[in-house]
Amino acid sequence: MIAQQVIEQRIRELEAASANGQQQLETLEQRRQELAQKMLRIAGAIQVLEELKAGHPELGMEAGSAASGD
């Protein structure tokens, strides 16, 4: 009888661990999706700035001067 109780307790523990693991996976997936969206926004911002810089070469010189402390 005790072996049956031990087995049932272990099943409950494993089911709880499985539910916890599933919740963690869902949280990680949500964070992954949020990060992917953030990366897309960053890439878009970089592209816009590069296009602005290409259309205005003087911007590149100003940025270089400011970055070097001139």
N, C-alpha and C. Protein backbone atom coordinates (compact mmCIF):
# COMPACT_ATOMS: atom_id res chain seq x y z
N MET A 1 0.81 -1.18 0.00
CA MET A 1 0.00 0.00 0.00
C MET A 1 0.86 1.25 0.00
N ILE A 2 1.94 1.25 0.74
CA ILE A 2 2.82 2.41 0.82
C ILE A 2 3.45 2.68 -0.54
N ALA A 3 3.85 1.63 -1.24
CA ALA A 3 4.44 1.82 -2.57
C ALA A 3 3.45 2.53 -3.49
N GLN A 4 2.18 2.19 -3.41
CA GLN A 4 1.15 2.83 -4.23
C GLN A 4 1.06 4.32 -3.89
N GLN A 5 1.12 4.65 -2.61
CA GLN A 5 1.06 6.05 -2.18
C GLN A 5 2.29 6.82 -2.66
N VAL A 6 3.44 6.19 -2.59
CA VAL A 6 4.68 6.82 -3.05
C VAL A 6 4.60 7.10 -4.54
N ILE A 7 4.10 6.13 -5.28
CA ILE A 7 3.96 6.30 -6.73
C ILE A 7 2.99 7.43 -7.04
N GLU A 8 1.85 7.47 -6.37
CA GLU A 8 0.87 8.51 -6.61
C GLU A 8 1.43 9.90 -6.26
N GLN A 9 2.17 9.98 -5.16
CA GLN A 9 2.79 11.25 -4.77
C GLN A 9 3.80 11.69 -5.82
N ARG A 10 4.58 10.74 -6.30
CA ARG A 10 5.60 11.07 -7.32
C ARG A 10 4.92 11.54 -8.61
N ILE A 11 3.82 10.91 -8.97
CA ILE A 11 3.08 11.33 -10.17
C ILE A 11 2.61 12.78 -9.99
N ARG A 12 2.08 13.12 -8.83
CA ARG A 12 1.61 14.49 -8.58
C ARG A 12 2.77 15.48 -8.66
N GLU A 13 3.90 15.10 -8.11
CA GLU A 13 5.08 15.98 -8.16
C GLU A 13 5.53 16.21 -9.61
N LEU A 14 5.56 15.13 -10.38
CA LEU A 14 5.98 15.25 -11.77
C LEU A 14 4.98 16.04 -12.61
N GLU A 15 3.70 15.86 -12.33
CA GLU A 15 2.68 16.64 -13.04
C GLU A 15 2.82 18.13 -12.73
N ALA A 16 3.11 18.45 -11.48
CA ALA A 16 3.32 19.84 -11.08
C ALA A 16 4.56 20.40 -11.76
N ALA A 17 5.63 19.61 -11.80
CA ALA A 17 6.86 20.04 -12.47
C ALA A 17 6.62 20.25 -13.96
N SER A 18 5.83 19.37 -14.55
CA SER A 18 5.51 19.50 -15.97
C SER A 18 4.70 20.77 -16.24
N ALA A 19 3.72 21.05 -15.40
CA ALA A 19 2.91 22.27 -15.55
C ALA A 19 3.78 23.51 -15.39
N ASN A 20 4.68 23.46 -14.43
CA ASN A 20 5.60 24.58 -14.22
C ASN A 20 6.50 24.77 -15.43
N GLY A 21 7.02 23.69 -15.96
CA GLY A 21 7.87 23.76 -17.15
C GLY A 21 7.12 24.31 -18.35
N GLN A 22 5.87 23.90 -18.51
CA GLN A 22 5.05 24.40 -19.62
C GLN A 22 4.83 25.89 -19.48
N GLN A 23 4.56 26.36 -18.26
CA GLN A 23 4.38 27.79 -18.03
C GLN A 23 5.65 28.56 -18.36
N GLN A 24 6.79 28.02 -17.97
CA GLN A 24 8.06 28.68 -18.28
C GLN A 24 8.29 28.75 -19.79
N LEU A 25 7.96 27.68 -20.50
CA LEU A 25 8.09 27.68 -21.96
C LEU A 25 7.20 28.76 -22.59
N GLU A 26 5.97 28.88 -22.09
CA GLU A 26 5.07 29.89 -22.63
C GLU A 26 5.60 31.30 -22.37
N THR A 27 6.15 31.51 -21.17
CA THR A 27 6.73 32.82 -20.84
C THR A 27 7.92 33.12 -21.74
N LEU A 28 8.78 32.13 -21.93
CA LEU A 28 9.94 32.32 -22.80
C LEU A 28 9.53 32.60 -24.24
N GLU A 29 8.51 31.92 -24.72
CA GLU A 29 8.03 32.13 -26.09
C GLU A 29 7.50 33.55 -26.25
N GLN A 30 6.79 34.03 -25.25
CA GLN A 30 6.29 35.40 -25.30
C GLN A 30 7.45 36.39 -25.32
N ARG A 31 8.44 36.17 -24.48
CA ARG A 31 9.62 37.04 -24.46
C ARG A 31 10.36 36.98 -25.79
N ARG A 32 10.45 35.77 -26.39
CA ARG A 32 11.12 35.64 -27.68
C ARG A 32 10.41 36.45 -28.74
N GLN A 33 9.08 36.38 -28.74
CA GLN A 33 8.30 37.14 -29.73
C GLN A 33 8.48 38.64 -29.52
N GLU A 34 8.47 39.08 -28.27
CA GLU A 34 8.67 40.50 -27.98
C GLU A 34 10.05 40.96 -28.43
N LEU A 35 11.05 40.14 -28.18
CA LEU A 35 12.42 40.48 -28.58
C LEU A 35 12.55 40.51 -30.10
N ALA A 36 11.91 39.57 -30.78
CA ALA A 36 11.95 39.56 -32.25
C ALA A 36 11.33 40.84 -32.80
N GLN A 37 10.21 41.28 -32.22
CA GLN A 37 9.58 42.53 -32.65
C GLN A 37 10.50 43.73 -32.39
N LYS A 38 11.14 43.72 -31.24
CA LYS A 38 12.07 44.81 -30.91
C LYS A 38 13.23 44.84 -31.91
N MET A 39 13.75 43.67 -32.25
CA MET A 39 14.85 43.60 -33.21
C MET A 39 14.42 44.12 -34.58
N LEU A 40 13.18 43.82 -34.99
CA LEU A 40 12.67 44.34 -36.26
C LEU A 40 12.58 45.86 -36.23
N ARG A 41 12.11 46.42 -35.11
CA ARG A 41 12.03 47.88 -35.00
C ARG A 41 13.42 48.50 -35.05
N ILE A 42 14.38 47.90 -34.38
CA ILE A 42 15.75 48.41 -34.38
C ILE A 42 16.33 48.35 -35.79
N ALA A 43 16.12 47.23 -36.48
CA ALA A 43 16.62 47.10 -37.85
C ALA A 43 15.98 48.16 -38.75
N GLY A 44 14.69 48.40 -38.57
CA GLY A 44 14.01 49.42 -39.35
C GLY A 44 14.56 50.81 -39.07
N ALA A 45 14.82 51.10 -37.81
CA ALA A 45 15.39 52.40 -37.45
C ALA A 45 16.78 52.58 -38.03
N ILE A 46 17.57 51.53 -38.00
CA ILE A 46 18.92 51.59 -38.59
C ILE A 46 18.81 51.87 -40.09
N GLN A 47 17.91 51.17 -40.76
CA GLN A 47 17.75 51.36 -42.20
C GLN A 47 17.34 52.80 -42.51
N VAL A 48 16.39 53.33 -41.77
CA VAL A 48 15.94 54.72 -42.00
C VAL A 48 17.10 55.68 -41.80
N LEU A 49 17.86 55.51 -40.73
CA LEU A 49 18.98 56.40 -40.46
C LEU A 49 20.07 56.29 -41.53
N GLU A 50 20.33 55.07 -41.99
CA GLU A 50 21.31 54.90 -43.06
C GLU A 50 20.85 55.57 -44.35
N GLU A 51 19.55 55.47 -44.64
CA GLU A 51 19.03 56.13 -45.83
C GLU A 51 19.10 57.64 -45.70
N LEU A 52 18.81 58.16 -44.51
CA LEU A 52 18.94 59.60 -44.28
C LEU A 52 20.38 60.05 -44.45
N LYS A 53 21.29 59.28 -43.90
CA LYS A 53 22.71 59.60 -44.00
C LYS A 53 23.16 59.58 -45.45
N ALA A 54 22.71 58.58 -46.22
CA ALA A 54 23.10 58.48 -47.64
C ALA A 54 22.56 59.67 -48.43
N GLY A 55 21.39 60.16 -48.06
CA GLY A 55 20.79 61.29 -48.76
C GLY A 55 21.40 62.62 -48.33
N HIS A 56 22.08 62.63 -47.20
CA HIS A 56 22.68 63.85 -46.66
C HIS A 56 24.09 63.53 -46.18
N PRO A 57 25.06 63.53 -47.08
CA PRO A 57 26.43 63.18 -46.69
C PRO A 57 26.98 64.04 -45.56
N GLU A 58 26.50 65.29 -45.45
CA GLU A 58 26.99 66.16 -44.39
C GLU A 58 26.64 65.64 -43.00
N LEU A 59 25.58 64.83 -42.90
CA LEU A 59 25.21 64.25 -41.61
C LEU A 59 26.29 63.29 -41.12
N GLY A 60 26.88 62.58 -42.02
CA GLY A 60 27.94 61.64 -41.64
C GLY A 60 29.14 62.35 -41.06
N MET A 61 29.49 63.52 -41.65
CA MET A 61 30.64 64.27 -41.14
C MET A 61 30.33 64.86 -39.76
N GLU A 62 29.11 65.38 -39.57
CA GLU A 62 28.74 65.93 -38.27
C GLU A 62 28.76 64.86 -37.19
N ALA A 63 28.21 63.69 -37.54
CA ALA A 63 28.17 62.59 -36.58
C ALA A 63 29.60 62.16 -36.23
N GLY A 64 30.47 62.13 -37.23
CA GLY A 64 31.86 61.74 -37.00
C GLY A 64 32.57 62.76 -36.14
N SER A 65 32.32 64.04 -36.36
CA SER A 65 32.94 65.08 -35.56
C SER A 65 32.46 65.01 -34.12
N ALA A 66 31.16 64.81 -33.94
CA ALA A 66 30.62 64.75 -32.59
C ALA A 66 31.14 63.53 -31.86
N ALA A 67 31.26 62.43 -32.57
CA ALA A 67 31.72 61.20 -31.93
C ALA A 67 33.19 61.29 -31.53
N SER A 68 34.00 62.01 -32.33
CA SER A 68 35.42 62.08 -32.03
C SER A 68 35.74 63.20 -31.06
N GLY A 69 34.73 64.05 -30.76
CA GLY A 69 34.95 65.10 -29.79
C GLY A 69 35.52 66.35 -30.41
N ASP A 70 35.52 66.50 -31.72
CA ASP A 70 36.05 67.71 -32.38
C ASP A 70 35.15 68.90 -32.21
